[in-house]
Amino acid sequence: MADLVFKRAGHLRLVRRRDGKVFQAHGIVQSIEPLNLNRASVTVTDGNNAFDRTFSGATTGGIVINLNSFNPTFWAAVASADVQTGQTAQIPRYEEIAVPETAPYTVTLKKEPVDGTVTIVDVNNEAFDEVPDSPAQAGEFVVNGSTIEFADADAGKKLFVTYDVEVDKATRVGITGTENVDVFELTVMGEAILSDDEGTTKADAIIFDSVMPLGDINQPQRSKDMGGWSVSFTLQPPRPGRKAVDYIVEE
């Protein structure tokens, strides 16, 4: 067939070996490096020849997936983490506030905090104390719903607040550090165009029978530039009767 050119990254599907669970909601794919094969060599010294003999050694292979959005459950799968969805949870929040210069010396938070979770410090990281009644001296505050009241001695101060918010539904991903790394079947699905006819597309797929996510499995960088993240898979020996790599392309 004619030569192929790839203009799209493609899509992927993971099937976890231990329970057959499918992961194919993975977010925005930037690029897929589908197969990095490396054949090592073994050199045997030949005492009767100027050139030593070289034989093939172990073969290793890897796949790198680069993503530009973050799907927590997909990341949890490759991190072999425990996932719980649809549960109530308390999520910490952060706000920077300023106590008014004049009375009333109150600030309304963006969300209502869970009782007992408000922590306030000043620019020197000196902690404020929560009191049950009207604050009488500097460094005291009272919480009433989402409103915080301060003493007049703290008028004009810049403060830093953290507190927990109760949410009805949340996804929790837990890593204990003792997890065994899961093995997956990985399929990369895409399409190519002909090198001499961009209007003609050909479907293709690469099936990796057994892969393990090894190396860095970092969450995306958090910045205004919206950095992506990547995960690398290493080829493992295939199951009996299967190929380690099976590439299929439409003729």
Protein backbone atom coordinates (compact mmCIF):
# COMPACT_ATOMS: atom_id res chain seq x y z
CA MET A 1 0.00 0.00 0.00
CA ALA A 2 0.99 3.66 -0.28
CA ASP A 3 3.02 5.45 2.36
CA LEU A 4 1.11 6.83 5.33
CA VAL A 5 1.27 10.18 7.12
CA PHE A 6 -0.14 10.76 10.62
CA LYS A 7 -1.85 14.10 11.26
CA ARG A 8 -3.84 13.14 14.36
CA ALA A 9 -2.69 11.82 17.71
CA GLY A 10 -5.32 9.10 17.97
CA HIS A 11 -7.15 7.66 20.97
CA LEU A 12 -6.38 4.97 23.47
CA ARG A 13 -8.07 2.29 25.53
CA LEU A 14 -6.73 0.57 28.60
CA VAL A 15 -8.11 -2.74 29.86
CA ARG A 16 -6.89 -3.58 33.35
CA ARG A 17 -5.81 -7.17 33.55
CA ARG A 18 -6.87 -7.96 37.12
CA ASP A 19 -10.56 -7.05 36.72
CA GLY A 20 -11.20 -6.25 33.03
CA LYS A 21 -12.15 -2.65 33.78
CA VAL A 22 -11.96 -0.39 30.71
CA PHE A 23 -10.43 3.11 30.76
CA GLN A 24 -10.99 5.14 27.60
CA ALA A 25 -12.11 8.50 29.01
CA HIS A 26 -8.63 9.98 29.17
CA GLY A 27 -8.92 13.66 28.29
CA ILE A 28 -7.30 15.70 25.51
CA VAL A 29 -4.51 13.79 23.79
CA GLN A 30 -1.59 15.92 22.62
CA SER A 31 0.48 13.15 21.10
CA ILE A 32 1.14 9.43 21.26
CA GLU A 33 4.56 7.90 20.75
CA PRO A 34 3.19 4.45 19.99
CA LEU A 35 6.24 2.20 19.94
CA ASN A 36 9.82 2.83 21.02
CA LEU A 37 11.63 -0.45 20.40
CA ASN A 38 15.21 -0.97 21.49
CA ARG A 39 17.20 -4.08 20.68
CA ALA A 40 20.24 -4.46 22.87
CA SER A 41 23.36 -6.14 21.61
CA VAL A 42 25.83 -8.59 23.11
CA THR A 43 29.44 -8.48 21.95
CA VAL A 44 31.49 -11.68 21.92
CA THR A 45 35.24 -11.31 21.59
CA ASP A 46 36.73 -13.20 18.68
CA GLY A 47 40.42 -13.79 19.38
CA ASN A 48 41.08 -14.84 15.79
CA ASN A 49 39.48 -11.83 14.12
CA ALA A 50 40.03 -8.08 14.13
CA PHE A 51 36.27 -7.64 14.49
CA ASP A 52 34.34 -8.97 17.48
CA ARG A 53 31.06 -10.73 16.90
CA THR A 54 27.80 -9.00 17.83
CA PHE A 55 24.60 -10.84 18.66
CA SER A 56 21.13 -9.55 19.46
CA GLY A 57 20.24 -9.24 23.12
CA ALA A 58 17.13 -8.26 25.02
CA THR A 59 14.42 -6.21 23.33
CA THR A 60 12.60 -3.49 25.25
CA GLY A 61 9.68 -1.36 24.16
CA GLY A 62 7.72 1.57 25.44
CA ILE A 63 4.76 3.80 24.69
CA VAL A 64 4.48 7.46 25.76
CA ILE A 65 1.10 9.22 26.01
CA ASN A 66 1.11 13.03 26.27
CA LEU A 67 -2.15 14.58 27.47
CA ASN A 68 -3.32 18.21 27.66
CA SER A 69 -6.18 17.76 30.13
CA PHE A 70 -6.49 15.82 33.35
CA ASN A 71 -8.94 12.98 33.92
CA PRO A 72 -8.58 11.97 37.60
CA THR A 73 -9.89 8.41 37.20
CA PHE A 74 -7.60 7.71 34.23
CA TRP A 75 -4.62 9.00 36.18
CA ALA A 76 -5.70 6.86 39.14
CA ALA A 77 -5.72 3.77 36.93
CA VAL A 78 -2.13 4.22 35.75
CA ALA A 79 -1.05 5.13 39.29
CA SER A 80 -2.68 1.92 40.63
CA ALA A 81 -4.62 4.09 43.06
CA ASP A 82 -7.89 3.48 44.87
CA VAL A 83 -10.82 5.50 43.51
CA GLN A 84 -14.10 6.45 45.17
CA THR A 85 -16.67 8.54 43.30
CA GLY A 86 -19.97 10.22 44.16
CA GLN A 87 -19.22 10.62 47.84
CA THR A 88 -19.55 13.58 50.17
CA ALA A 89 -16.24 15.14 51.09
CA GLN A 90 -14.60 18.14 52.70
CA ILE A 91 -12.34 20.07 50.33
CA PRO A 92 -9.87 22.66 51.66
CA ARG A 93 -10.05 26.17 50.17
CA TYR A 94 -7.76 29.21 50.32
CA GLU A 95 -8.57 32.92 50.33
CA GLU A 96 -6.70 36.15 50.85
CA ILE A 97 -8.80 38.76 52.65
CA ALA A 98 -8.47 42.22 54.16
CA VAL A 99 -10.24 43.37 57.31
CA PRO A 100 -12.22 46.59 56.59
CA GLU A 101 -10.70 49.85 57.81
CA THR A 102 -13.99 50.85 59.47
CA ALA A 103 -16.80 49.03 61.26
CA PRO A 104 -18.28 46.54 60.80
CA TYR A 105 -15.04 44.55 60.80
CA THR A 106 -16.47 41.58 58.94
CA VAL A 107 -15.47 39.63 55.83
CA THR A 108 -17.72 37.24 53.87
CA LEU A 109 -15.97 34.16 52.51
CA LYS A 110 -16.80 32.81 49.06
CA LYS A 111 -18.11 29.56 50.57
CA GLU A 112 -19.48 28.56 53.95
CA PRO A 113 -16.82 26.73 55.97
CA VAL A 114 -17.29 23.52 57.90
CA ASP A 115 -17.39 24.26 61.63
CA GLY A 116 -13.99 24.23 63.26
CA THR A 117 -11.96 24.20 60.04
CA VAL A 118 -11.13 27.91 59.64
CA THR A 119 -7.43 28.76 59.98
CA ILE A 120 -6.28 32.38 59.72
CA VAL A 121 -2.75 33.82 59.77
CA ASP A 122 -1.34 37.29 59.13
CA VAL A 123 1.56 38.29 56.85
CA ASN A 124 4.00 37.07 59.50
CA ASN A 125 2.24 33.68 59.77
CA GLU A 126 1.04 34.56 63.24
CA ALA A 127 -2.11 32.52 63.91
CA PHE A 128 -5.46 34.05 64.88
CA ASP A 129 -7.70 32.42 67.49
CA GLU A 130 -11.37 31.54 66.95
CA VAL A 131 -13.53 32.66 69.89
CA PRO A 132 -17.23 31.94 70.60
CA ASP A 133 -18.31 35.56 71.15
CA SER A 134 -17.48 38.98 69.73
CA PRO A 135 -13.71 39.34 69.33
CA ALA A 136 -12.36 41.71 71.97
CA GLN A 137 -8.69 41.94 71.08
CA ALA A 138 -6.27 41.65 68.19
CA GLY A 139 -5.83 38.17 66.75
CA GLU A 140 -9.36 36.95 67.56
CA PHE A 141 -12.21 36.12 65.19
CA VAL A 142 -15.74 34.74 65.24
CA VAL A 143 -17.28 32.62 62.47
CA ASN A 144 -20.99 33.02 61.71
CA GLY A 145 -21.93 31.03 58.60
CA SER A 146 -19.70 32.38 55.84
CA THR A 147 -19.04 35.66 57.68
CA ILE A 148 -15.97 36.24 59.83
CA GLU A 149 -15.89 39.04 62.39
CA PHE A 150 -12.64 40.60 63.67
CA ALA A 151 -11.70 42.98 66.46
CA ASP A 152 -11.25 46.66 65.66
CA ALA A 153 -7.55 46.29 66.53
CA ASP A 154 -7.12 44.23 63.32
CA ALA A 155 -8.70 46.84 61.03
CA GLY A 156 -6.97 47.03 57.62
CA LYS A 157 -4.89 43.90 58.07
CA LYS A 158 -4.23 41.53 55.18
CA LEU A 159 -4.94 37.94 56.20
CA PHE A 160 -4.70 34.45 54.72
CA VAL A 161 -7.57 32.03 55.31
CA THR A 162 -7.99 28.30 54.74
CA TYR A 163 -11.12 26.31 55.49
CA ASP A 164 -12.95 23.16 54.46
CA VAL A 165 -16.07 23.16 52.29
CA GLU A 166 -18.57 20.29 52.32
CA VAL A 167 -19.47 19.01 48.82
CA ASP A 168 -22.21 16.52 47.97
CA LYS A 169 -20.26 14.61 45.32
CA ALA A 170 -16.53 14.18 44.99
CA THR A 171 -13.96 11.83 43.48
CA ARG A 172 -11.23 10.66 45.86
CA VAL A 173 -8.00 9.07 44.65
CA GLY A 174 -5.90 7.44 47.32
CA ILE A 175 -2.31 6.19 47.12
CA THR A 176 -0.85 4.36 50.10
CA GLY A 177 2.56 3.65 48.63
CA THR A 178 2.16 -0.12 48.92
CA GLU A 179 0.18 -0.70 45.71
CA ASN A 180 1.24 -3.31 43.16
CA VAL A 181 1.60 -1.90 39.64
CA ASP A 182 -1.25 -3.02 37.37
CA VAL A 183 -0.78 -4.65 33.97
CA PHE A 184 -2.97 -3.46 31.07
CA GLU A 185 -3.85 -4.29 27.51
CA LEU A 186 -3.31 -1.01 25.64
CA THR A 187 -4.87 -0.18 22.27
CA VAL A 188 -3.98 2.92 20.27
CA MET A 189 -6.67 3.73 17.69
CA GLY A 190 -6.28 6.32 14.96
CA GLU A 191 -6.18 7.06 11.28
CA ALA A 192 -3.61 8.08 8.72
CA ILE A 193 -3.71 9.80 5.36
CA LEU A 194 -1.95 8.69 2.20
CA SER A 195 1.29 10.52 1.56
CA ASP A 196 0.16 11.34 -2.00
CA ASP A 197 -3.58 11.87 -1.29
CA GLU A 198 -4.60 13.79 1.82
CA GLY A 199 -8.26 13.18 1.06
CA THR A 200 -7.94 9.43 1.63
CA THR A 201 -7.83 8.17 5.21
CA LYS A 202 -6.91 4.74 6.47
CA ALA A 203 -7.89 3.41 9.88
CA ASP A 204 -5.20 1.79 11.95
CA ALA A 205 -4.68 0.40 15.45
CA ILE A 206 -1.82 -0.89 17.59
CA ILE A 207 -2.63 -3.47 20.25
CA PHE A 208 -0.13 -4.03 23.04
CA ASP A 209 -1.07 -7.19 24.88
CA SER A 210 0.68 -6.41 28.16
CA VAL A 211 2.07 -3.09 29.37
CA MET A 212 2.92 -1.58 32.74
CA PRO A 213 2.93 2.15 33.56
CA LEU A 214 6.47 2.72 34.82
CA GLY A 215 8.61 5.80 35.37
CA ASP A 216 7.17 9.25 36.05
CA ILE A 217 3.39 9.38 36.48
CA ASN A 218 3.07 13.04 37.38
CA GLN A 219 -0.10 15.05 37.59
CA PRO A 220 -0.06 18.11 35.29
CA GLN A 221 1.80 21.24 36.27
CA ARG A 222 -0.54 23.86 37.73
CA SER A 223 0.13 27.23 36.09
CA LYS A 224 -1.54 29.82 33.93
CA ASP A 225 0.10 28.15 30.93
CA MET A 226 -1.99 24.98 31.52
CA GLY A 227 0.82 22.46 31.28
CA GLY A 228 0.05 18.91 30.23
CA TRP A 229 1.21 15.58 31.62
CA SER A 230 2.43 12.27 30.31
CA VAL A 231 2.57 8.61 31.20
CA SER A 232 4.96 5.98 29.90
CA PHE A 233 4.19 2.30 29.47
CA THR A 234 6.74 -0.50 29.21
CA LEU A 235 6.10 -3.62 27.17
CA GLN A 236 5.80 -6.88 29.09
CA PRO A 237 5.84 -10.48 27.77
CA PRO A 238 2.50 -11.25 26.07
CA ARG A 239 0.02 -13.83 27.24
CA PRO A 240 0.28 -17.30 25.69
CA GLY A 241 -0.93 -17.36 22.09
CA ARG A 242 -0.84 -13.56 21.74
CA LYS A 243 1.55 -11.09 20.13
CA ALA A 244 3.38 -8.51 22.20
CA VAL A 245 2.54 -5.91 19.52
CA ASP A 246 -0.14 -6.27 16.87
CA TYR A 247 -0.34 -3.45 14.30
CA ILE A 248 -3.37 -3.39 11.97
CA VAL A 249 -3.90 -0.91 9.12
CA GLU A 250 -6.62 -0.64 6.51
CA GLU A 251 -5.42 -1.33 2.96
